[in-house]
Protein backbone atom coordinates (compact mmCIF):
# COMPACT_ATOMS: atom_id res chain seq x y z
CA MET A 1 -25.96 3.42 9.33
CA LYS A 2 -23.94 0.52 7.96
CA ASP A 3 -21.19 1.04 10.54
CA LEU A 4 -23.77 1.17 13.31
CA LEU A 5 -25.31 -2.08 12.09
CA VAL A 6 -21.93 -3.81 11.82
CA ARG A 7 -21.02 -2.80 15.37
CA GLY A 8 -24.47 -3.51 16.74
CA LEU A 9 -24.97 -7.01 15.39
CA PRO A 10 -22.49 -8.70 17.78
CA LEU A 11 -24.24 -6.95 20.67
CA ILE A 12 -27.60 -8.22 19.42
CA LEU A 13 -26.20 -11.74 19.08
CA ALA A 14 -24.69 -11.61 22.55
CA GLY A 15 -27.91 -10.28 24.06
CA THR A 16 -29.91 -13.00 22.33
CA ILE A 17 -27.55 -15.65 23.68
CA GLY A 18 -27.78 -14.27 27.19
CA ILE A 19 -31.59 -14.25 27.10
CA THR A 20 -31.71 -17.72 25.54
CA GLY A 21 -29.45 -19.11 28.24
CA ILE A 22 -31.55 -17.57 31.00
CA VAL A 23 -34.88 -18.71 29.54
CA TYR A 24 -33.77 -22.32 28.96
CA ALA A 25 -31.47 -22.62 31.98
CA THR A 26 -31.78 -25.92 33.80
CA THR A 27 -31.66 -24.11 37.18
CA ALA A 28 -31.12 -27.35 39.13
CA ALA A 29 -28.42 -28.89 41.31
CA SER A 30 -28.48 -32.02 39.20
CA GLY A 31 -26.03 -34.88 38.97
CA ALA A 32 -22.38 -34.45 39.95
CA ASP A 33 -21.13 -31.22 38.36
CA ALA A 34 -24.12 -28.97 38.89
CA HIS A 35 -24.65 -30.13 42.48
CA GLY A 36 -20.94 -29.87 43.24
CA TYR A 37 -20.68 -26.28 42.02
CA LEU A 38 -23.92 -25.10 43.62
CA ALA A 39 -23.36 -26.82 46.96
CA GLN A 40 -19.82 -25.42 47.14
CA ALA A 41 -21.19 -21.94 46.42
CA ASP A 42 -23.49 -22.29 49.43
CA THR A 43 -20.63 -23.27 51.73
CA LEU A 44 -18.51 -20.36 50.45
CA ILE A 45 -21.31 -17.98 51.37
CA HIS A 46 -21.02 -19.28 54.93
CA GLY A 47 -17.25 -18.86 54.93
CA HIS A 48 -16.01 -22.44 54.63
CA VAL A 49 -15.65 -25.30 52.17
CA ARG A 50 -15.45 -28.31 54.48
CA ILE A 51 -18.60 -30.12 55.56
CA GLU A 52 -18.50 -31.87 58.92
CA GLN A 53 -20.48 -35.11 59.21
CA PRO A 54 -19.59 -36.47 62.68
CA TRP A 55 -22.28 -39.13 62.52
CA ALA A 56 -20.11 -41.00 60.00
CA ALA A 57 -17.77 -41.98 62.83
CA ALA A 58 -20.50 -44.05 64.49
CA VAL A 59 -21.33 -46.40 61.61
CA PRO A 60 -19.60 -49.79 61.39
CA TRP A 61 -19.22 -50.23 57.63
CA PRO A 62 -15.94 -49.55 55.78
CA ALA A 63 -15.26 -46.36 53.80
CA ALA A 64 -18.05 -44.67 55.75
CA SER A 65 -16.97 -41.16 54.74
CA TRP A 66 -17.19 -42.13 51.08
CA THR A 67 -20.71 -43.48 51.53
CA PHE A 68 -21.73 -40.14 53.07
CA SER A 69 -20.09 -38.09 50.29
CA PRO A 70 -22.72 -36.91 47.79
CA LEU A 71 -21.78 -36.40 44.16
CA GLY A 72 -19.31 -33.54 43.85
CA TYR A 73 -17.67 -34.25 47.23
CA ARG A 74 -15.09 -36.62 48.66
CA PRO A 75 -13.57 -37.34 52.09
CA SER A 76 -10.84 -34.97 53.18
CA SER A 77 -7.30 -36.28 52.80
CA LEU A 78 -5.68 -33.97 55.36
CA GLY A 79 -5.73 -36.36 58.31
CA GLU A 80 -8.65 -34.50 59.85
CA GLU A 81 -11.56 -36.22 61.52
CA PRO A 82 -12.63 -39.00 59.14
CA TRP A 83 -16.08 -37.55 58.73
CA THR A 84 -14.98 -34.34 56.99
CA ILE A 85 -15.80 -34.06 53.29
CA VAL A 86 -14.54 -31.45 50.82
CA PRO A 87 -15.52 -30.37 47.29
CA ILE A 88 -14.01 -32.09 44.27
CA TYR A 89 -14.36 -29.07 42.01
CA PRO A 90 -12.15 -25.94 41.87
CA PRO A 91 -13.53 -22.73 43.38
CA GLY A 92 -13.72 -20.34 40.41
CA LEU A 93 -17.28 -21.01 39.30
CA PRO A 94 -18.66 -21.53 42.84
CA MET A 95 -17.21 -18.13 43.75
CA LEU A 96 -19.14 -16.52 40.89
CA PHE A 97 -22.28 -18.42 41.91
CA ALA A 98 -21.88 -17.35 45.52
CA LEU A 99 -21.47 -13.70 44.53
CA ALA A 100 -24.53 -13.89 42.29
CA ARG A 101 -26.63 -15.46 45.01
CA VAL A 102 -25.63 -12.86 47.59
CA VAL A 103 -26.47 -10.06 45.16
CA GLY A 104 -29.57 -11.42 43.44
CA GLY A 105 -30.78 -14.55 45.18
CA GLN A 106 -31.03 -18.12 43.87
CA GLU A 107 -32.30 -17.10 40.42
CA ALA A 108 -29.26 -14.89 39.85
CA VAL A 109 -27.00 -17.93 40.22
CA PHE A 110 -28.36 -19.26 36.94
CA TRP A 111 -27.62 -16.02 35.11
CA VAL A 112 -23.87 -16.49 35.52
CA VAL A 113 -23.36 -19.00 32.70
CA PRO A 114 -25.68 -17.26 30.19
CA LEU A 115 -23.94 -13.94 30.82
CA ALA A 116 -20.59 -15.67 30.35
CA GLY A 117 -21.99 -17.04 27.09
CA ALA A 118 -22.86 -13.52 25.95
CA MET A 119 -19.32 -12.42 26.82
CA PHE A 120 -17.95 -15.40 24.86
CA VAL A 121 -19.82 -14.28 21.75
CA LEU A 122 -18.65 -10.68 22.09
CA ALA A 123 -15.05 -11.74 22.64
CA THR A 124 -15.23 -13.96 19.56
CA ALA A 125 -16.45 -11.00 17.50
CA SER A 126 -13.61 -8.87 18.87
CA ILE A 127 -10.96 -11.49 18.01
CA ALA A 128 -12.23 -12.02 14.47
CA ARG A 129 -12.65 -8.27 13.88
CA ARG A 130 -9.01 -7.69 14.75
CA LEU A 131 -7.82 -10.52 12.51
CA ILE A 132 -10.22 -10.22 9.55
CA SER A 133 -12.69 -7.32 9.53
CA PRO A 134 -15.87 -6.17 11.28
CA ALA A 135 -17.83 -8.48 8.97
CA GLY A 136 -15.53 -11.32 10.00
CA GLY A 137 -16.36 -10.60 13.62
CA ILE A 138 -20.07 -10.91 12.89
CA VAL A 139 -19.66 -14.19 11.01
CA ALA A 140 -17.47 -15.77 13.69
CA ALA A 141 -19.80 -14.60 16.47
CA TRP A 142 -22.81 -16.01 14.57
CA LEU A 143 -21.17 -19.41 14.15
CA VAL A 144 -20.14 -19.57 17.81
CA ALA A 145 -23.55 -18.39 19.02
CA THR A 146 -25.32 -21.12 17.05
CA SER A 147 -22.86 -23.92 17.86
CA PRO A 148 -24.69 -26.98 19.28
CA ALA A 149 -21.94 -27.75 21.80
CA PHE A 150 -21.93 -24.16 23.02
CA LEU A 151 -25.73 -24.01 23.29
CA PHE A 152 -25.77 -27.34 25.13
CA MET A 153 -23.50 -25.99 27.84
CA LEU A 154 -25.03 -22.51 27.84
CA VAL A 155 -28.07 -23.73 29.79
CA ALA A 156 -26.20 -25.80 32.40
CA PRO A 157 -24.64 -24.47 35.65
CA MET A 158 -21.24 -25.87 34.70
CA SER A 159 -17.80 -24.43 34.06
CA ASP A 160 -17.36 -25.01 30.32
CA VAL A 161 -18.84 -21.75 29.02
CA PRO A 162 -17.36 -19.52 31.76
CA VAL A 163 -13.84 -20.90 31.26
CA ALA A 164 -14.16 -20.57 27.47
CA ALA A 165 -15.35 -16.98 27.91
CA ALA A 166 -12.39 -16.17 30.15
CA TRP A 167 -9.89 -17.47 27.58
CA ALA A 168 -11.70 -15.66 24.75
CA VAL A 169 -11.65 -12.36 26.65
CA ALA A 170 -7.95 -12.85 27.29
CA PHE A 171 -7.17 -13.30 23.60
CA ALA A 172 -9.42 -10.40 22.61
CA CYS A 173 -7.35 -8.20 24.94
CA LEU A 174 -4.03 -9.66 23.84
CA LEU A 175 -4.53 -8.62 20.23
CA GLU A 176 -4.25 -4.95 21.19
CA ARG A 177 -0.85 -4.06 22.58
CA GLN A 178 -1.90 -1.77 25.40
CA ARG A 179 -0.99 -1.91 29.08
CA ARG A 180 -4.60 -1.88 30.19
CA ARG A 181 -5.40 -4.73 27.80
CA ALA A 182 -2.41 -6.71 29.05
CA THR A 183 -3.67 -6.34 32.61
CA LEU A 184 -7.15 -7.47 31.59
CA ALA A 185 -5.75 -10.40 29.61
CA GLY A 186 -3.75 -11.61 32.59
CA GLY A 187 -6.71 -11.22 34.90
CA ALA A 188 -8.96 -13.16 32.52
CA ILE A 189 -6.49 -16.04 32.35
CA GLY A 190 -6.13 -15.91 36.14
CA MET A 191 -9.90 -16.36 36.36
CA ALA A 192 -9.75 -19.19 33.81
CA ILE A 193 -7.21 -20.94 36.04
CA LEU A 194 -9.47 -20.57 39.06
CA ILE A 195 -12.36 -22.05 37.08
CA ARG A 196 -10.43 -24.91 35.41
CA PRO A 197 -6.89 -25.19 36.78
CA ASN A 198 -5.95 -28.22 34.68
CA LEU A 199 -5.51 -25.81 31.75
CA ALA A 200 -3.12 -23.56 33.71
CA PRO A 201 -0.06 -24.67 31.68
CA LEU A 202 -1.70 -23.20 28.58
CA ALA A 203 -1.08 -19.74 30.05
CA ALA A 204 2.50 -20.09 28.79
CA VAL A 205 1.23 -19.88 25.19
CA PRO A 206 -0.30 -16.37 25.27
CA ALA A 207 2.73 -15.27 27.29
CA LEU A 208 4.68 -15.65 24.04
CA TRP A 209 2.81 -12.60 22.74
CA TYR A 210 4.91 -10.50 25.12
CA LEU A 211 8.00 -12.67 25.40
CA VAL A 212 8.90 -12.72 21.70
CA PRO A 213 8.99 -8.92 21.18
CA ALA A 214 10.62 -8.52 24.59
CA LEU A 215 13.54 -10.58 23.30
CA THR A 216 13.66 -9.71 19.61
CA GLY A 217 12.18 -6.23 19.14
CA ARG A 218 13.84 -2.83 19.00
CA MET A 219 14.82 -1.23 22.29
CA ALA A 220 11.57 0.73 22.74
CA VAL A 221 9.52 -2.30 21.68
CA ARG A 222 11.40 -4.56 24.08
CA ARG A 223 10.90 -2.15 26.95
CA GLU A 224 7.15 -1.81 26.37
CA ALA A 225 6.70 -5.56 25.83
CA ARG A 226 8.39 -6.23 29.15
CA VAL A 227 6.09 -3.80 30.95
CA GLN A 228 3.00 -5.31 29.34
CA GLY A 229 4.32 -8.81 29.98
CA ALA A 230 4.77 -7.98 33.67
CA LEU A 231 1.20 -6.68 33.90
CA PHE A 232 -0.06 -9.76 32.11
CA SER A 233 1.96 -12.09 34.33
CA ALA A 234 0.67 -10.41 37.49
CA GLY A 235 -2.91 -11.34 36.62
CA VAL A 236 -1.97 -14.90 35.71
CA ALA A 237 0.10 -15.24 38.88
CA ALA A 238 -2.78 -13.97 41.02
CA GLY A 239 -5.04 -16.70 39.65
CA GLY A 240 -2.31 -19.30 40.09
CA ALA A 241 -1.63 -18.20 43.67
CA ALA A 242 -5.34 -18.26 44.52
CA ILE A 243 -5.88 -21.78 43.20
CA ALA A 244 -2.66 -23.00 44.85
CA THR A 245 -3.84 -21.57 48.18
CA PHE A 246 -7.24 -23.21 47.79
CA PHE A 247 -5.70 -26.60 46.97
CA THR A 248 -3.32 -26.29 49.93
CA VAL A 249 -6.11 -25.47 52.37
CA VAL A 250 -8.51 -28.09 51.04
CA ASN A 251 -6.24 -30.84 49.73
CA GLY A 252 -2.96 -30.28 51.56
CA SER A 253 -0.82 -29.42 48.53
CA PRO A 254 -0.84 -26.61 45.95
CA LEU A 255 -0.60 -29.23 43.20
CA THR A 256 -3.27 -31.65 44.47
CA THR A 257 -6.69 -31.18 42.92
CA GLY A 258 -9.98 -32.46 44.25
CA TYR A 259 -9.92 -35.26 41.71
CA GLY A 260 -7.07 -36.96 43.56
CA SER A 261 -4.68 -39.11 41.59
CA MET A 262 -5.08 -38.73 37.84
CA THR A 263 -2.91 -41.75 37.12
CA GLY A 264 -4.31 -43.41 34.03
CA ALA A 265 -6.51 -40.42 33.13
CA PHE A 266 -3.93 -39.26 30.60
CA ALA A 267 -2.39 -41.79 28.25
CA VAL A 268 -1.00 -41.95 24.73
CA GLU A 269 -3.44 -44.80 24.08
CA HIS A 270 -6.30 -42.31 24.38
CA VAL A 271 -5.09 -40.12 21.52
CA ALA A 272 -6.26 -42.19 18.54
CA PRO A 273 -9.82 -42.89 19.76
CA ASN A 274 -10.27 -39.35 21.09
CA ALA A 275 -8.97 -37.76 17.90
CA ALA A 276 -11.43 -39.79 15.85
CA LEU A 277 -14.34 -39.07 18.21
CA TYR A 278 -13.77 -35.33 18.60
CA LEU A 279 -13.27 -34.76 14.89
CA ARG A 280 -16.38 -36.81 14.05
CA TRP A 281 -18.48 -34.97 16.62
CA LEU A 282 -17.15 -31.64 15.35
CA VAL A 283 -18.06 -32.39 11.74
CA GLU A 284 -21.44 -33.87 12.63
CA SER A 285 -22.33 -30.81 14.69
CA HIS A 286 -20.93 -28.11 12.38
CA THR A 287 -20.60 -29.76 8.95
CA PRO A 288 -17.19 -30.33 7.25
CA VAL A 289 -17.03 -26.56 6.67
CA VAL A 290 -15.46 -26.23 10.12
CA LEU A 291 -12.38 -28.06 8.83
CA PHE A 292 -11.70 -25.07 6.59
CA GLY A 293 -11.51 -23.04 9.78
CA MET A 294 -8.77 -25.34 11.04
CA LEU A 295 -6.92 -25.06 7.75
CA ALA A 296 -7.16 -21.27 7.72
CA LEU A 297 -5.50 -21.07 11.15
CA VAL A 298 -2.34 -22.66 9.81
CA LEU A 299 -2.31 -20.41 6.75
CA PRO A 300 -1.59 -16.89 8.06
CA LEU A 301 -1.93 -15.36 4.61
CA ARG A 302 -2.71 -11.68 4.17
CA TRP A 303 -5.64 -12.32 1.85
CA LEU A 304 -7.22 -14.56 4.49
CA TRP A 305 -6.49 -12.36 7.50
CA PRO A 306 -6.32 -8.80 6.14
CA ALA A 307 -6.67 -7.02 9.50
CA ALA A 308 -3.98 -8.99 11.36
CA ARG A 309 -1.12 -6.70 12.33
CA GLU A 310 1.34 -9.37 13.44
CA ARG A 311 1.93 -12.89 12.16
CA LEU A 312 2.93 -13.78 15.73
CA ALA A 313 -0.79 -13.85 16.56
CA PHE A 314 -1.23 -17.00 14.47
CA ILE A 315 1.68 -18.75 16.12
CA VAL A 316 0.20 -18.03 19.54
CA ILE A 317 -3.33 -18.96 18.51
CA GLY A 318 -2.19 -22.08 16.64
CA LEU A 319 -0.12 -23.30 19.58
CA PHE A 320 -3.02 -22.65 21.97
CA VAL A 321 -5.53 -24.57 19.86
CA ALA A 322 -3.08 -27.43 19.26
CA ALA A 323 -2.17 -27.67 22.96
CA LEU A 324 -5.83 -27.66 24.01
CA TRP A 325 -6.80 -30.39 21.57
CA ILE A 326 -3.78 -32.57 22.32
CA PHE A 327 -4.43 -32.20 26.05
CA TYR A 328 -7.97 -33.58 25.71
CA TRP A 329 -6.98 -36.17 23.13
CA CYS A 330 -4.73 -37.61 25.84
CA TYR A 331 -7.51 -37.43 28.43
CA LEU A 332 -10.12 -40.08 29.20
CA VAL A 333 -12.25 -41.39 26.34
CA PHE A 334 -15.92 -40.42 26.57
CA ASP A 335 -18.84 -41.52 24.42
CA ALA A 336 -21.14 -38.49 24.16
CA TRP A 337 -20.94 -35.73 21.55
CA TRP A 338 -21.35 -32.98 24.08
CA TYR A 339 -17.87 -33.68 25.43
CA LEU A 340 -16.91 -31.23 22.72
CA ARG A 341 -17.48 -28.88 25.65
CA PHE A 342 -13.86 -29.43 26.67
CA LEU A 343 -12.73 -27.80 23.43
CA LEU A 344 -14.95 -24.70 23.58
CA PRO A 345 -11.99 -22.38 24.27
CA SER A 346 -10.85 -23.09 20.70
CA TRP A 347 -14.24 -22.20 19.15
CA PRO A 348 -13.51 -18.48 18.56
CA PHE A 349 -10.46 -19.38 16.47
CA LEU A 350 -12.06 -22.23 14.51
CA MET A 351 -15.08 -20.09 13.66
CA ALA A 352 -12.86 -17.11 12.84
CA GLY A 353 -11.07 -19.42 10.42
CA VAL A 354 -14.38 -20.31 8.76
CA ALA A 355 -15.25 -16.61 8.59
CA ALA A 356 -11.84 -15.78 7.07
CA ALA A 357 -12.26 -18.42 4.35
CA ALA A 358 -15.84 -17.39 3.55
CA LEU A 359 -15.06 -13.68 3.33
CA ALA A 360 -11.94 -14.30 1.24
CA ILE A 361 -14.11 -16.15 -1.31
CA ALA A 362 -16.67 -13.35 -1.18
CA ARG A 363 -14.02 -10.68 -1.81
CA ARG A 364 -12.48 -12.52 -4.73
CA GLY A 365 -15.79 -13.49 -6.34
CA GLY A 366 -17.47 -10.12 -6.24
CA ARG A 367 -21.06 -9.38 -5.34
CA PRO A 368 -22.55 -12.72 -6.52
CA ALA A 369 -20.05 -14.66 -4.41
CA ALA A 370 -20.71 -12.36 -1.44
CA ILE A 371 -24.45 -13.02 -1.66
CA VAL A 372 -23.89 -16.78 -1.90
CA MET A 373 -21.44 -16.80 1.01
CA GLY A 374 -23.75 -14.65 3.12
CA GLY A 375 -26.66 -16.97 2.51
CA ALA A 376 -24.51 -20.03 3.20
CA ILE A 377 -23.27 -18.63 6.53
CA ILE A 378 -26.80 -17.77 7.63
CA ALA A 379 -28.01 -21.22 6.57
CA LEU A 380 -25.15 -22.90 8.43
CA GLY A 381 -26.04 -21.12 11.64
CA VAL A 382 -29.72 -21.99 11.27
CA TRP A 383 -28.75 -25.61 10.61
CA GLN A 384 -26.60 -25.66 13.74
CA VAL A 385 -29.49 -24.41 15.85
CA ALA A 386 -31.68 -27.14 14.32
CA VAL A 387 -29.06 -29.72 15.29
CA ALA A 388 -29.06 -28.33 18.83
CA ALA A 389 -32.85 -28.53 18.99
CA ASP A 390 -32.80 -32.08 17.63
CA ARG A 391 -30.38 -33.01 20.39
CA HIS A 392 -32.83 -31.64 22.98
CA VAL A 393 -30.71 -28.66 24.02
CA PHE A 394 -33.83 -26.58 24.59
CA ASP A 395 -35.54 -29.38 26.54
CA LEU A 396 -32.70 -30.10 28.94
CA TRP A 397 -34.32 -28.00 31.64
CA LYS A 398 -37.19 -30.47 31.90
CA ASN A 399 -34.88 -33.44 32.33
CA GLU A 400 -32.69 -31.67 34.89
CA ARG A 401 -35.49 -30.24 36.98
CA ARG A 402 -36.69 -33.75 37.80
CA TYR A 403 -34.08 -33.61 40.56
CA VAL A 404 -35.97 -30.75 42.17
CA THR A 405 -39.40 -32.36 41.88
CA VAL A 406 -38.19 -35.75 43.09
CA ALA A 407 -36.28 -34.38 46.08
CA ARG A 408 -39.24 -32.30 47.23
CA GLU A 409 -41.59 -35.28 46.86
CA VAL A 410 -39.18 -37.41 48.87
CA ARG A 411 -39.16 -34.74 51.57
CA ARG A 412 -42.96 -34.87 51.70
CA THR A 413 -43.12 -38.66 51.59
CA ILE A 414 -40.58 -39.80 54.17
CA GLY A 415 -39.81 -38.54 57.65
CA ARG A 416 -36.67 -36.88 58.92
CA ALA A 417 -35.62 -40.09 60.71
CA SER A 418 -34.68 -41.52 57.33
CA VAL A 419 -31.68 -42.28 55.18
CA VAL A 420 -31.85 -42.37 51.37
CA TYR A 421 -29.56 -44.73 49.49
CA ALA A 422 -28.80 -43.08 46.17
CA MET A 423 -26.11 -42.30 43.62
CA GLN A 424 -27.40 -40.02 40.88
CA HIS A 425 -29.71 -38.24 43.35
CA SER A 426 -27.29 -38.34 46.30
CA GLY A 427 -26.63 -34.60 46.08
CA SER A 428 -30.03 -33.29 45.03
CA VAL A 429 -31.98 -35.21 47.68
CA ARG A 430 -29.88 -33.39 50.27
CA TYR A 431 -29.90 -30.05 48.49
CA TYR A 432 -33.65 -29.83 47.82
CA GLY A 433 -35.04 -32.57 50.06
CA GLY A 434 -33.10 -32.12 53.29
CA ARG A 435 -32.70 -35.88 53.63
CA LEU A 436 -29.44 -37.63 54.40
CA SER A 437 -28.11 -39.65 51.46
CA VAL A 438 -25.86 -42.70 51.45
CA ARG A 439 -23.94 -43.52 48.28
CA TYR A 440 -24.81 -47.12 47.42
CA ASP A 441 -22.13 -47.14 44.71
CA THR A 442 -19.39 -46.71 47.36
CA MET A 443 -20.88 -49.27 49.74
CA ALA A 444 -19.09 -52.61 50.06
CA ASP A 445 -21.33 -55.39 48.71
CA PRO A 446 -21.78 -57.37 51.97
CA TRP A 447 -22.76 -54.20 53.81
CA ILE A 448 -25.59 -53.05 51.55
CA ASP A 449 -28.14 -55.07 53.56
CA ARG A 450 -26.28 -55.06 56.88
CA SER A 451 -26.16 -51.26 56.89
CA VAL A 452 -29.94 -51.11 56.50
CA ASP A 453 -30.32 -53.48 59.46
CA TRP A 454 -27.89 -51.43 61.55
CA LEU A 455 -29.85 -48.25 60.84
CA SER A 456 -33.20 -49.94 61.49
CA ALA A 457 -31.97 -51.08 64.91
CA ARG A 458 -31.53 -47.41 65.73
CA GLY A 459 -34.95 -46.35 64.54
CA ILE A 460 -33.80 -45.00 61.20
CA ARG A 461 -35.72 -46.04 58.12
CA SER A 462 -33.87 -46.64 54.86
CA TYR A 463 -35.02 -45.91 51.32
CA LEU A 464 -33.57 -46.33 47.85
CA LEU A 465 -33.90 -43.52 45.28
CA VAL A 466 -32.90 -44.40 41.72
CA ASP A 467 -33.36 -43.38 38.12
CA ASP A 468 -34.74 -46.06 35.82
CA TRP A 469 -31.31 -46.66 34.24
CA GLU A 470 -29.78 -47.38 37.65
CA VAL A 471 -32.06 -50.35 38.35
CA PRO A 472 -30.31 -52.91 36.08
CA LEU A 473 -26.93 -51.77 37.41
CA LEU A 474 -28.11 -52.40 40.97
CA ARG A 475 -29.45 -55.83 40.06
CA GLU A 476 -26.09 -56.79 38.61
CA ARG A 477 -23.89 -55.35 41.37
CA PHE A 478 -25.93 -56.57 44.34
CA ALA A 479 -27.27 -59.81 42.90
CA GLY A 480 -28.52 -62.10 45.66
CA ARG A 481 -28.86 -59.30 48.20
CA ARG A 482 -32.10 -58.27 49.88
CA LEU A 483 -31.90 -54.87 48.21
CA VAL A 484 -32.49 -56.52 44.82
CA GLU A 485 -35.58 -58.26 46.21
CA ARG A 486 -36.94 -54.86 47.22
CA LEU A 487 -36.68 -53.79 43.57
CA ASP A 488 -39.39 -56.37 42.82
CA ASP A 489 -41.78 -54.72 45.30
CA PRO A 490 -44.00 -51.84 44.19
CA PRO A 491 -42.15 -48.55 44.70
CA LEU A 492 -43.25 -46.15 47.37
CA LEU A 493 -42.97 -43.28 44.89
CA HIS A 494 -42.96 -43.35 41.08
CA TYR A 495 -41.93 -40.17 39.29
CA ILE A 496 -42.82 -39.81 35.61
CA GLY A 497 -41.32 -37.05 33.50
CA THR A 498 -38.75 -37.10 30.72
CA SER A 499 -37.47 -40.18 32.58
CA GLU A 500 -38.67 -42.26 35.51
CA VAL A 501 -37.46 -42.26 39.11
CA PHE A 502 -38.38 -44.73 41.86
CA LEU A 503 -38.31 -44.58 45.65
CA TYR A 504 -38.25 -47.99 47.39
CA ASP A 505 -38.59 -48.83 51.07
CA LEU A 506 -35.55 -50.89 52.10
CA SER A 507 -36.47 -51.36 55.74
CA GLU A 508 -39.28 -53.86 55.21
CA PRO A 509 -41.22 -55.50 52.37
CA ARG A 510 -43.73 -53.19 50.73
CA ASP A 511 -47.40 -53.94 51.30
CA PRO A 512 -48.77 -54.45 47.75
CA LEU A 513 -52.18 -53.19 48.87
CA ILE A 514 -50.82 -49.73 49.59
CA PRO A 515 -51.07 -47.69 46.38
CA VAL A 516 -47.98 -46.30 44.73
CA VAL A 517 -47.68 -42.51 44.86
CA THR A 518 -47.36 -41.52 41.23
CA VAL A 519 -46.03 -38.06 40.38
CA ARG A 520 -46.34 -36.76 36.84
CA ASP A 521 -44.16 -33.70 36.53
CA THR A 522 -45.82 -30.46 35.50
CA TYR A 523 -42.53 -28.53 35.94
CA GLU A 524 -44.32 -25.88 37.99
CA ASP A 525 -42.44 -24.12 40.77
CA THR A 526 -39.19 -25.96 40.02
CA ARG A 527 -37.15 -23.03 38.72
CA SER A 528 -34.32 -21.76 40.92
CA VAL A 529 -35.46 -23.48 44.11
CA ALA A 530 -33.38 -22.62 47.16
CA PRO A 531 -31.67 -25.40 49.10
CA VAL A 532 -32.87 -26.70 52.46
CA ARG A 533 -30.81 -27.83 55.43
CA LEU A 534 -30.29 -31.35 56.69
CA PRO A 535 -31.88 -31.94 60.12
CA PRO A 536 -29.57 -32.60 63.08
CA ILE A 537 -28.24 -36.14 62.83
CA GLN A 538 -26.96 -38.57 65.46
CA PHE A 539 -26.26 -42.28 65.10
CA ASP A 540 -26.05 -44.18 68.39
CA ALA A 541 -27.97 -46.72 70.40
CA SER A 542 -30.33 -44.24 72.01
CA SER A 543 -30.74 -41.31 69.63
CA THR A 544 -32.05 -40.92 66.10
CA LEU A 545 -32.89 -38.15 63.75
CA PRO A 546 -35.32 -35.91 65.65
């Protein structure tokens, strides 16, 4: 009975995580990342990734293709027609989304990340079980499952949890020296590369697991390590070849990502502020106890890690964690705690370290210490969930689904012969509203009013769709322009939910006697809404949107 319980608890935790992620999923093509991944999935279903927008060739303002690139997209750099736009994001997660949608419809798309989260928890349990004990697997899985950063990303259609799950599965397979496991490990890392190719160099670290015995072991050990290493490398190479092919087709070079030049994104000057921020966020989210997990990783002592068969595991794991953290310490400096999401692939090892330290104390202190440690671990997990709740993890769906409500209201409010100036809603108003968006943030200042006039002369009405926080930014950037004057008119549409969104008429001053359409979100019928198509579009002197 005890063995059954020990083996069943990780499954229960994983199932709970999967259900939690599905129930609280945001299920919306919101902002840049979510819209980029979901929109790319839709194009993959139709067998392409490029989006042709020939109308962009007719407009007179500069950088026209950029202004018609919604969040998550950019103009093609392949010398094609200037109106072609391509996705910024790599194809791994959109491929999974596309497969899910074909199999199960739009709702199934939003099961992908929660199921990856469940796999992440199970893989964590497997790693810790092989290094500590079955009880260690349960503790580590519990601490990962209740992590605020993990729960925050569990509900969003973004790549952080899937890529962390892929790396965790790879390490869980690595720790058993079997050919089948080596194949699975390589395949998992290949998938991780497709999802987040900037971490591809980290594949060299787990390769040491096979390289070291292949060079230093006895003859039979060397031979087997080489076979397993070849199987592992085949999976990694497949992922690398796939992402290189995608980048070549879309961006013109196997080494050119959709983000373009990353000059300045990585700098030694970023290390000090990022190190301070990430460590502070880590401690604030998980208490200083998590630092013991870090310490345990660099102390491969038998009494800490009784089930570990090879000390090489800790060299590989330590190098992986160090490389991951240093990589993101050198990256851009962000100001929100949930950017811990970048470091999620290291969570199984940090939490296994906490589990190793806690169980070592319990073993040495006898039954009283075991009871105290058990209670402390349970309390820590409960506290982490409370932190996640306090940081609105379980309310994110309301905030994100405003994109769905707003886009559908815009579709009902304005005609098809319309253009919507937007930034934050530039993707969602197309995805759910079927209305053409223009990125005001990429529009040259003198053209913000002139473009509206040019469109009006062709019978196309212009609107501005903004979140409340965008309004002061617009006032500052376009000070003195007619657009700012329109912000003083009553909005055409006023959305009220967890935040406020406004739709303004840019084509002519708003009649103050016409009442504002106020929408208070009830969040009904906004889950897993399918996208709609843009109407046919033509910009010339005689034709407009039909």
